[in-house]
Amino acid sequence: MAVWLISSRRRYNEAVFLQANPAKFAFEEWRTYSIWVGLGTIIGGMAGMFIFQMTTYTYLLLTMGSIYLGSSLLFYLLINLRLKKSE
């Protein structure tokens, strides 16, 4: 998440130069972040399920889902804070 936030500074400067809407920029960054993190979570979870045999995957899936939702929400809040701070 930190790497994504640092690299989004350059994209934000481009958006400011192109006079883009800051709210739209924040939503697009959040959407792209959530898609890539979601894909990584699904692929990593599937790989882990094939490698490690467990009797039940319920708690693993709940943990992975809550971490995904938490990181997505935290990223959205941080990107909005960063945009308000730079205005």
PDB file of N, CA and C in Angstrom:
ATOM      1  N   MET A   1       0.820  -1.183   0.000  1.00  0.00           N
ATOM      2  CA  MET A   1       0.000   0.000   0.000  1.00  0.00           C
ATOM      3  C   MET A   1       0.870   1.255   0.000  1.00  0.00           C
ATOM      4  N   ALA A   2       1.947   1.230   0.760  1.00  0.00           N
ATOM      5  CA  ALA A   2       2.824   2.394   0.834  1.00  0.00           C
ATOM      6  C   ALA A   2       3.461   2.680  -0.525  1.00  0.00           C
ATOM      7  N   VAL A   3       3.881   1.636  -1.210  1.00  0.00           N
ATOM      8  CA  VAL A   3       4.481   1.816  -2.538  1.00  0.00           C
ATOM      9  C   VAL A   3       3.457   2.410  -3.495  1.00  0.00           C
ATOM     10  N   TRP A   4       2.224   1.939  -3.425  1.00  0.00           N
ATOM     11  CA  TRP A   4       1.188   2.454  -4.307  1.00  0.00           C
ATOM     12  C   TRP A   4       0.912   3.929  -4.004  1.00  0.00           C
ATOM     13  N   LEU A   5       0.857   4.288  -2.722  1.00  0.00           N
ATOM     14  CA  LEU A   5       0.605   5.680  -2.358  1.00  0.00           C
ATOM     15  C   LEU A   5       1.744   6.582  -2.813  1.00  0.00           C
ATOM     16  N   ILE A   6       2.967   6.108  -2.695  1.00  0.00           N
ATOM     17  CA  ILE A   6       4.117   6.914  -3.127  1.00  0.00           C
ATOM     18  C   ILE A   6       4.097   7.088  -4.639  1.00  0.00           C
ATOM     19  N   SER A   7       3.806   6.013  -5.357  1.00  0.00           N
ATOM     20  CA  SER A   7       3.799   6.117  -6.817  1.00  0.00           C
ATOM     21  C   SER A   7       2.589   6.887  -7.332  1.00  0.00           C
ATOM     22  N   SER A   8       1.544   7.019  -6.541  1.00  0.00           N
ATOM     23  CA  SER A   8       0.369   7.761  -6.996  1.00  0.00           C
ATOM     24  C   SER A   8       0.626   9.268  -7.012  1.00  0.00           C
ATOM     25  N   ARG A   9       1.659   9.716  -6.363  1.00  0.00           N
ATOM     26  CA  ARG A   9       1.984  11.148  -6.358  1.00  0.00           C
ATOM     27  C   ARG A   9       2.266  11.635  -7.780  1.00  0.00           C
ATOM     28  N   ARG A  10       3.009  10.842  -8.542  1.00  0.00           N
ATOM     29  CA  ARG A  10       3.325  11.229  -9.914  1.00  0.00           C
ATOM     30  C   ARG A  10       2.052  11.259 -10.756  1.00  0.00           C
ATOM     31  N   ARG A  11       1.198  10.268 -10.591  1.00  0.00           N
ATOM     32  CA  ARG A  11      -0.060  10.238 -11.337  1.00  0.00           C
ATOM     33  C   ARG A  11      -0.979  11.389 -10.921  1.00  0.00           C
ATOM     34  N   TYR A  12      -0.919  11.773  -9.643  1.00  0.00           N
ATOM     35  CA  TYR A  12      -1.715  12.909  -9.192  1.00  0.00           C
ATOM     36  C   TYR A  12      -1.222  14.199  -9.825  1.00  0.00           C
ATOM     37  N   ASN A  13       0.089  14.369  -9.910  1.00  0.00           N
ATOM     38  CA  ASN A  13       0.627  15.560 -10.569  1.00  0.00           C
ATOM     39  C   ASN A  13       0.210  15.621 -12.030  1.00  0.00           C
ATOM     40  N   GLU A  14       0.176  14.482 -12.694  1.00  0.00           N
ATOM     41  CA  GLU A  14      -0.315  14.436 -14.078  1.00  0.00           C
ATOM     42  C   GLU A  14      -1.791  14.813 -14.134  1.00  0.00           C
ATOM     43  N   ALA A  15      -2.574  14.328 -13.184  1.00  0.00           N
ATOM     44  CA  ALA A  15      -4.008  14.641 -13.162  1.00  0.00           C
ATOM     45  C   ALA A  15      -4.247  16.123 -12.904  1.00  0.00           C
ATOM     46  N   VAL A  16      -3.447  16.719 -12.038  1.00  0.00           N
ATOM     47  CA  VAL A  16      -3.573  18.151 -11.773  1.00  0.00           C
ATOM     48  C   VAL A  16      -3.237  18.939 -13.036  1.00  0.00           C
ATOM     49  N   PHE A  17      -2.179  18.524 -13.734  1.00  0.00           N
ATOM     50  CA  PHE A  17      -1.787  19.193 -14.975  1.00  0.00           C
ATOM     51  C   PHE A  17      -2.900  19.099 -16.018  1.00  0.00           C
ATOM     52  N   LEU A  18      -3.580  17.959 -16.074  1.00  0.00           N
ATOM     53  CA  LEU A  18      -4.668  17.766 -17.029  1.00  0.00           C
ATOM     54  C   LEU A  18      -6.001  18.298 -16.510  1.00  0.00           C
ATOM     55  N   GLN A  19      -5.987  18.897 -15.327  1.00  0.00           N
ATOM     56  CA  GLN A  19      -7.155  19.492 -14.682  1.00  0.00           C
ATOM     57  C   GLN A  19      -8.270  18.466 -14.463  1.00  0.00           C
ATOM     58  N   ALA A  20      -7.890  17.314 -13.955  1.00  0.00           N
ATOM     59  CA  ALA A  20      -8.861  16.258 -13.647  1.00  0.00           C
ATOM     60  C   ALA A  20      -9.510  16.522 -12.293  1.00  0.00           C
ATOM     61  N   ASN A  21     -10.676  15.953 -12.097  1.00  0.00           N
ATOM     62  CA  ASN A  21     -11.399  16.076 -10.842  1.00  0.00           C
ATOM     63  C   ASN A  21     -10.693  15.242  -9.763  1.00  0.00           C
ATOM     64  N   PRO A  22     -10.332  15.839  -8.613  1.00  0.00           N
ATOM     65  CA  PRO A  22      -9.641  15.075  -7.563  1.00  0.00           C
ATOM     66  C   PRO A  22     -10.457  13.894  -7.028  1.00  0.00           C
ATOM     67  N   ALA A  23     -11.765  14.046  -6.932  1.00  0.00           N
ATOM     68  CA  ALA A  23     -12.599  12.934  -6.443  1.00  0.00           C
ATOM     69  C   ALA A  23     -12.578  11.777  -7.435  1.00  0.00           C
ATOM     70  N   LYS A  24     -12.598  12.088  -8.705  1.00  0.00           N
ATOM     71  CA  LYS A  24     -12.540  11.038  -9.728  1.00  0.00           C
ATOM     72  C   LYS A  24     -11.177  10.357  -9.709  1.00  0.00           C
ATOM     73  N   PHE A  25     -10.117  11.140  -9.512  1.00  0.00           N
ATOM     74  CA  PHE A  25      -8.773  10.570  -9.418  1.00  0.00           C
ATOM     75  C   PHE A  25      -8.677   9.604  -8.242  1.00  0.00           C
ATOM     76  N   ALA A  26      -9.214  10.008  -7.085  1.00  0.00           N
ATOM     77  CA  ALA A  26      -9.166   9.152  -5.902  1.00  0.00           C
ATOM     78  C   ALA A  26      -9.936   7.862  -6.131  1.00  0.00           C
ATOM     79  N   PHE A  27     -11.100   7.963  -6.770  1.00  0.00           N
ATOM     80  CA  PHE A  27     -11.889   6.763  -7.036  1.00  0.00           C
ATOM     81  C   PHE A  27     -11.171   5.829  -8.005  1.00  0.00           C
ATOM     82  N   GLU A  28     -10.561   6.386  -9.050  1.00  0.00           N
ATOM     83  CA  GLU A  28      -9.845   5.547 -10.021  1.00  0.00           C
ATOM     84  C   GLU A  28      -8.634   4.871  -9.393  1.00  0.00           C
ATOM     85  N   GLU A  29      -7.916   5.573  -8.537  1.00  0.00           N
ATOM     86  CA  GLU A  29      -6.779   4.962  -7.843  1.00  0.00           C
ATOM     87  C   GLU A  29      -7.251   3.849  -6.922  1.00  0.00           C
ATOM     88  N   TRP A  30      -8.330   4.109  -6.186  1.00  0.00           N
ATOM     89  CA  TRP A  30      -8.871   3.098  -5.273  1.00  0.00           C
ATOM     90  C   TRP A  30      -9.356   1.885  -6.037  1.00  0.00           C
ATOM     91  N   ARG A  31     -10.035   2.106  -7.156  1.00  0.00           N
ATOM     92  CA  ARG A  31     -10.549   1.001  -7.964  1.00  0.00           C
ATOM     93  C   ARG A  31      -9.411   0.139  -8.499  1.00  0.00           C
ATOM     94  N   THR A  32      -8.385   0.773  -9.043  1.00  0.00           N
ATOM     95  CA  THR A  32      -7.253   0.020  -9.591  1.00  0.00           C
ATOM     96  C   THR A  32      -6.524  -0.739  -8.486  1.00  0.00           C
ATOM     97  N   TYR A  33      -6.306  -0.094  -7.351  1.00  0.00           N
ATOM     98  CA  TYR A  33      -5.657  -0.754  -6.218  1.00  0.00           C
ATOM     99  C   TYR A  33      -6.466  -1.959  -5.765  1.00  0.00           C
ATOM    100  N   SER A  34      -7.781  -1.777  -5.624  1.00  0.00           N
ATOM    101  CA  SER A  34      -8.634  -2.861  -5.134  1.00  0.00           C
ATOM    102  C   SER A  34      -8.658  -4.042  -6.099  1.00  0.00           C
ATOM    103  N   ILE A  35      -8.673  -3.758  -7.390  1.00  0.00           N
ATOM    104  CA  ILE A  35      -8.673  -4.848  -8.375  1.00  0.00           C
ATOM    105  C   ILE A  35      -7.388  -5.658  -8.278  1.00  0.00           C
ATOM    106  N   TRP A  36      -6.241  -4.980  -8.249  1.00  0.00           N
ATOM    107  CA  TRP A  36      -4.963  -5.701  -8.213  1.00  0.00           C
ATOM    108  C   TRP A  36      -4.754  -6.444  -6.897  1.00  0.00           C
ATOM    109  N   VAL A  37      -5.136  -5.826  -5.796  1.00  0.00           N
ATOM    110  CA  VAL A  37      -4.996  -6.501  -4.506  1.00  0.00           C
ATOM    111  C   VAL A  37      -5.960  -7.686  -4.424  1.00  0.00           C
ATOM    112  N   GLY A  38      -7.162  -7.521  -4.952  1.00  0.00           N
ATOM    113  CA  GLY A  38      -8.120  -8.621  -4.969  1.00  0.00           C
ATOM    114  C   GLY A  38      -7.630  -9.791  -5.800  1.00  0.00           C
ATOM    115  N   LEU A  39      -7.091  -9.493  -6.986  1.00  0.00           N
ATOM    116  CA  LEU A  39      -6.544 -10.570  -7.818  1.00  0.00           C
ATOM    117  C   LEU A  39      -5.380 -11.273  -7.130  1.00  0.00           C
ATOM    118  N   GLY A  40      -4.497 -10.492  -6.506  1.00  0.00           N
ATOM    119  CA  GLY A  40      -3.370 -11.081  -5.788  1.00  0.00           C
ATOM    120  C   GLY A  40      -3.815 -11.938  -4.619  1.00  0.00           C
ATOM    121  N   THR A  41      -4.852 -11.489  -3.922  1.00  0.00           N
ATOM    122  CA  THR A  41      -5.379 -12.250  -2.798  1.00  0.00           C
ATOM    123  C   THR A  41      -5.994 -13.568  -3.270  1.00  0.00           C
ATOM    124  N   ILE A  42      -6.757 -13.506  -4.342  1.00  0.00           N
ATOM    125  CA  ILE A  42      -7.389 -14.722  -4.863  1.00  0.00           C
ATOM    126  C   ILE A  42      -6.346 -15.704  -5.383  1.00  0.00           C
ATOM    127  N   ILE A  43      -5.409 -15.229  -6.186  1.00  0.00           N
ATOM    128  CA  ILE A  43      -4.382 -16.113  -6.746  1.00  0.00           C
ATOM    129  C   ILE A  43      -3.487 -16.677  -5.645  1.00  0.00           C
ATOM    130  N   GLY A  44      -3.078 -15.836  -4.703  1.00  0.00           N
ATOM    131  CA  GLY A  44      -2.253 -16.303  -3.588  1.00  0.00           C
ATOM    132  C   GLY A  44      -2.988 -17.275  -2.692  1.00  0.00           C
ATOM    133  N   GLY A  45      -4.260 -17.000  -2.459  1.00  0.00           N
ATOM    134  CA  GLY A  45      -5.055 -17.914  -1.642  1.00  0.00           C
ATOM    135  C   GLY A  45      -5.231 -19.268  -2.303  1.00  0.00           C
ATOM    136  N   MET A  46      -5.469 -19.252  -3.609  1.00  0.00           N
ATOM    137  CA  MET A  46      -5.618 -20.524  -4.328  1.00  0.00           C
ATOM    138  C   MET A  46      -4.311 -21.308  -4.336  1.00  0.00           C
ATOM    139  N   ALA A  47      -3.200 -20.604  -4.549  1.00  0.00           N
ATOM    140  CA  ALA A  47      -1.904 -21.278  -4.524  1.00  0.00           C
ATOM    141  C   ALA A  47      -1.632 -21.876  -3.146  1.00  0.00           C
ATOM    142  N   GLY A  48      -1.948 -21.123  -2.100  1.00  0.00           N
ATOM    143  CA  GLY A  48      -1.770 -21.630  -0.739  1.00  0.00           C
ATOM    144  C   GLY A  48      -2.659 -22.821  -0.440  1.00  0.00           C
ATOM    145  N   MET A  49      -3.873 -22.816  -0.978  1.00  0.00           N
ATOM    146  CA  MET A  49      -4.785 -23.940  -0.748  1.00  0.00           C
ATOM    147  C   MET A  49      -4.298 -25.211  -1.443  1.00  0.00           C
ATOM    148  N   PHE A  50      -3.648 -25.055  -2.589  1.00  0.00           N
ATOM    149  CA  PHE A  50      -3.116 -26.222  -3.292  1.00  0.00           C
ATOM    150  C   PHE A  50      -1.860 -26.764  -2.615  1.00  0.00           C
ATOM    151  N   ILE A  51      -1.076 -25.889  -2.019  1.00  0.00           N
ATOM    152  CA  ILE A  51       0.178 -26.317  -1.395  1.00  0.00           C
ATOM    153  C   ILE A  51      -0.066 -26.886  -0.002  1.00  0.00           C
ATOM    154  N   PHE A  52      -0.862 -26.192   0.810  1.00  0.00           N
ATOM    155  CA  PHE A  52      -1.104 -26.604   2.184  1.00  0.00           C
ATOM    156  C   PHE A  52      -2.505 -27.177   2.327  1.00  0.00           C
ATOM    157  N   GLN A  53      -2.580 -28.380   2.813  1.00  0.00           N
ATOM    158  CA  GLN A  53      -3.872 -29.031   3.008  1.00  0.00           C
ATOM    159  C   GLN A  53      -4.421 -28.678   4.394  1.00  0.00           C
ATOM    160  N   MET A  54      -5.662 -28.227   4.422  1.00  0.00           N
ATOM    161  CA  MET A  54      -6.321 -27.891   5.678  1.00  0.00           C
ATOM    162  C   MET A  54      -7.641 -28.648   5.744  1.00  0.00           C
ATOM    163  N   THR A  55      -8.150 -28.839   6.950  1.00  0.00           N
ATOM    164  CA  THR A  55      -9.432 -29.529   7.081  1.00  0.00           C
ATOM    165  C   THR A  55     -10.590 -28.587   6.755  1.00  0.00           C
ATOM    166  N   THR A  56     -10.447 -27.314   7.080  1.00  0.00           N
ATOM    167  CA  THR A  56     -11.484 -26.334   6.757  1.00  0.00           C
ATOM    168  C   THR A  56     -10.815 -25.024   6.329  1.00  0.00           C
ATOM    169  N   TYR A  57     -11.405 -24.399   5.357  1.00  0.00           N
ATOM    170  CA  TYR A  57     -10.858 -23.148   4.831  1.00  0.00           C
ATOM    171  C   TYR A  57     -11.704 -21.944   5.237  1.00  0.00           C
ATOM    172  N   THR A  58     -12.674 -22.144   6.092  1.00  0.00           N
ATOM    173  CA  THR A  58     -13.594 -21.072   6.461  1.00  0.00           C
ATOM    174  C   THR A  58     -12.869 -19.903   7.113  1.00  0.00           C
ATOM    175  N   TYR A  59     -12.062 -20.177   8.115  1.00  0.00           N
ATOM    176  CA  TYR A  59     -11.372 -19.100   8.822  1.00  0.00           C
ATOM    177  C   TYR A  59     -10.318 -18.438   7.938  1.00  0.00           C
ATOM    178  N   LEU A  60      -9.685 -19.218   7.101  1.00  0.00           N
ATOM    179  CA  LEU A  60      -8.712 -18.659   6.166  1.00  0.00           C
ATOM    180  C   LEU A  60      -9.390 -17.687   5.201  1.00  0.00           C
ATOM    181  N   LEU A  61     -10.514 -18.085   4.635  1.00  0.00           N
ATOM    182  CA  LEU A  61     -11.235 -17.217   3.705  1.00  0.00           C
ATOM    183  C   LEU A  61     -11.793 -15.979   4.396  1.00  0.00           C
ATOM    184  N   LEU A  62     -12.282 -16.143   5.621  1.00  0.00           N
ATOM    185  CA  LEU A  62     -12.766 -14.980   6.373  1.00  0.00           C
ATOM    186  C   LEU A  62     -11.633 -14.006   6.681  1.00  0.00           C
ATOM    187  N   THR A  63     -10.478 -14.539   7.052  1.00  0.00           N
ATOM    188  CA  THR A  63      -9.325 -13.690   7.338  1.00  0.00           C
ATOM    189  C   THR A  63      -8.851 -12.965   6.087  1.00  0.00           C
ATOM    190  N   MET A  64      -8.734 -13.705   4.988  1.00  0.00           N
ATOM    191  CA  MET A  64      -8.296 -13.079   3.737  1.00  0.00           C
ATOM    192  C   MET A  64      -9.289 -12.017   3.272  1.00  0.00           C
ATOM    193  N   GLY A  65     -10.573 -12.292   3.393  1.00  0.00           N
ATOM    194  CA  GLY A  65     -11.593 -11.328   2.987  1.00  0.00           C
ATOM    195  C   GLY A  65     -11.583 -10.077   3.849  1.00  0.00           C
ATOM    196  N   SER A  66     -11.418 -10.263   5.153  1.00  0.00           N
ATOM    197  CA  SER A  66     -11.396  -9.090   6.034  1.00  0.00           C
ATOM    198  C   SER A  66     -10.130  -8.263   5.832  1.00  0.00           C
ATOM    199  N   ILE A  67      -9.009  -8.907   5.571  1.00  0.00           N
ATOM    200  CA  ILE A  67      -7.778  -8.157   5.286  1.00  0.00           C
ATOM    201  C   ILE A  67      -7.936  -7.379   3.984  1.00  0.00           C
ATOM    202  N   TYR A  68      -8.549  -8.004   2.980  1.00  0.00           N
ATOM    203  CA  TYR A  68      -8.774  -7.319   1.706  1.00  0.00           C
ATOM    204  C   TYR A  68      -9.679  -6.100   1.897  1.00  0.00           C
ATOM    205  N   LEU A  69     -10.794  -6.276   2.570  1.00  0.00           N
ATOM    206  CA  LEU A  69     -11.713  -5.161   2.795  1.00  0.00           C
ATOM    207  C   LEU A  69     -11.075  -4.062   3.632  1.00  0.00           C
ATOM    208  N   GLY A  70     -10.331  -4.459   4.657  1.00  0.00           N
ATOM    209  CA  GLY A  70      -9.662  -3.472   5.503  1.00  0.00           C
ATOM    210  C   GLY A  70      -8.609  -2.680   4.753  1.00  0.00           C
ATOM    211  N   SER A  71      -7.813  -3.356   3.954  1.00  0.00           N
ATOM    212  CA  SER A  71      -6.772  -2.639   3.211  1.00  0.00           C
ATOM    213  C   SER A  71      -7.380  -1.748   2.141  1.00  0.00           C
ATOM    214  N   SER A  72      -8.460  -2.191   1.520  1.00  0.00           N
ATOM    215  CA  SER A  72      -9.121  -1.376   0.506  1.00  0.00           C
ATOM    216  C   SER A  72      -9.708  -0.110   1.131  1.00  0.00           C
ATOM    217  N   LEU A  73     -10.356  -0.252   2.258  1.00  0.00           N
ATOM    218  CA  LEU A  73     -10.917   0.904   2.961  1.00  0.00           C
ATOM    219  C   LEU A  73      -9.819   1.846   3.446  1.00  0.00           C
ATOM    220  N   LEU A  74      -8.767   1.295   4.012  1.00  0.00           N
ATOM    221  CA  LEU A  74      -7.654   2.116   4.484  1.00  0.00           C
ATOM    222  C   LEU A  74      -7.003   2.875   3.337  1.00  0.00           C
ATOM    223  N   PHE A  75      -6.822   2.219   2.198  1.00  0.00           N
ATOM    224  CA  PHE A  75      -6.244   2.898   1.043  1.00  0.00           C
ATOM    225  C   PHE A  75      -7.128   4.050   0.597  1.00  0.00           C
ATOM    226  N   TYR A  76      -8.438   3.822   0.544  1.00  0.00           N
ATOM    227  CA  TYR A  76      -9.354   4.885   0.122  1.00  0.00           C
ATOM    228  C   TYR A  76      -9.284   6.082   1.076  1.00  0.00           C
ATOM    229  N   LEU A  77      -9.245   5.814   2.366  1.00  0.00           N
ATOM    230  CA  LEU A  77      -9.144   6.904   3.338  1.00  0.00           C
ATOM    231  C   LEU A  77      -7.811   7.637   3.216  1.00  0.00           C
ATOM    232  N   LEU A  78      -6.724   6.897   3.040  1.00  0.00           N
ATOM    233  CA  LEU A  78      -5.414   7.543   2.926  1.00  0.00           C
ATOM    234  C   LEU A  78      -5.279   8.359   1.656  1.00  0.00           C
ATOM    235  N   ILE A  79      -5.809   7.878   0.544  1.00  0.00           N
ATOM    236  CA  ILE A  79      -5.702   8.633  -0.705  1.00  0.00           C
ATOM    237  C   ILE A  79      -6.537   9.906  -0.614  1.00  0.00           C
ATOM    238  N   ASN A  80      -7.693   9.830   0.034  1.00  0.00           N
ATOM    239  CA  ASN A  80      -8.513  11.039   0.209  1.00  0.00           C
ATOM    240  C   ASN A  80      -7.838  12.025   1.154  1.00  0.00           C
ATOM    241  N   LEU A  81      -7.231  11.542   2.235  1.00  0.00           N
ATOM    242  CA  LEU A  81      -6.497  12.434   3.137  1.00  0.00           C
ATOM    243  C   LEU A  81      -5.350  13.120   2.421  1.00  0.00           C
ATOM    244  N   ARG A  82      -4.643  12.363   1.614  1.00  0.00           N
ATOM    245  CA  ARG A  82      -3.505  12.919   0.886  1.00  0.00           C
ATOM    246  C   ARG A  82      -3.959  13.979  -0.122  1.00  0.00           C
ATOM    247  N   LEU A  83      -5.096  13.754  -0.765  1.00  0.00           N
ATOM    248  CA  LEU A  83      -5.608  14.740  -1.719  1.00  0.00           C
ATOM    249  C   LEU A  83      -6.069  16.013  -1.013  1.00  0.00           C
ATOM    250  N   LYS A  84      -6.733  15.868   0.134  1.00  0.00           N
ATOM    251  CA  LYS A  84      -7.178  17.052   0.872  1.00  0.00           C
ATOM    252  C   LYS A  84      -5.988  17.832   1.416  1.00  0.00           C
ATOM    253  N   LYS A  85      -4.948  17.125   1.791  1.00  0.00           N
ATOM    254  CA  LYS A  85      -3.754  17.762   2.325  1.00  0.00           C
ATOM    255  C   LYS A  85      -3.004  18.542   1.242  1.00  0.00           C
ATOM    256  N   SER A  86      -3.027  18.046   0.010  1.00  0.00           N
ATOM    257  CA  SER A  86      -2.277  18.707  -1.054  1.00  0.00           C
ATOM    258  C   SER A  86      -3.044  19.846  -1.695  1.00  0.00           C
ATOM    259  N   GLU A  87      -4.327  19.998  -1.383  1.00  0.00           N
ATOM    260  CA  GLU A  87      -5.100  21.088  -1.989  1.00  0.00           C
ATOM    261  C   GLU A  87      -4.823  22.408  -1.363  1.00  0.00           C
TER     262      GLU A  87
END
